[in-house]
């Protein structure tokens, strides 16, 4: 996700100012409190802007600026619905964002939507669809470094799910290399959030998908303990899963002790699903110390319903 840099222009008419105000509100809510806290604001935006529910082809006459604003809002809504656990609705909203962006030629919003959609399809167990979405991001000109890095991250996750061993590591190493090329004038306005912490978290997560716990745990720990927006609690959940996978019982118990008191406020369903699955696994797994089993049970009870 990212925060918008554009502000509604004075004297603008039509849906563009409402859409841009909604984008700013939703991004701020998501960063501060998480996707589930932003869902009521999503409903408000859908009521206020019936264009978001109309056939995109019927909106062609609105002109490029309103279409671009609606496309950006649809992309943001798709992201929030995904992180809030509404996967089918997120899929549909991503399709709407792509259609609107296509009508006005907003290639950068289309690219961000495709990258979000790649993450969604990976999360829902469709890694081949994730690779297809990531492949569609490319254009006639080489992508700027931060965007190219994100494409490589998406491909690394998907290939790891497909059973690759060497290729995911090569892809994530290339993502690091491209990231180090830095920001350029060609970067889209949303590229700022692809920072070192984001990269570290995904590096650790890909290593964890490959069960390379000794590599995954330090990377995930660094990403999970860095300050950042609410949606990065996911790296904490992946860190706990990696500790459990490695049999690092004491460290897992200590992390649960830090997570459980604030678990009810986690606003990402992806995160709470991961925490719940790890807690359930710890309770079932032979050889887990009794104290850790109890801590896992307490964590499960502390998560939002």
Foldseek 3Di string as FASTA:
>chain_A
DFADPDADDPPDDDCQNVLNVLRNVLVVCCQAQRLQSSVVSVVVSCVVDVCLVDDLVVCLVVAQRNLLSSLLSLLSNLLSCLQQPVLVVSVVSLVSSLSSCVSNVVLVSVLSSLLSVLVSCLLVPNLVSSLVSLVVNDDPDDDQLLSQLSSLLSNLSSVLSVVDDPSSLVSLVVSVVSVVVDDDPRDDPGSPVSDPLVSLLSNLLSCVSNLVLVSNQVSLVVSCPDDTGLVSVLSLLSNLLSCVSVVVQVVNLVSLVVCLVCQQSRHGPSSLVSLLVSLVCLLPDPPRDPSSVVSSVSSNVSHHD
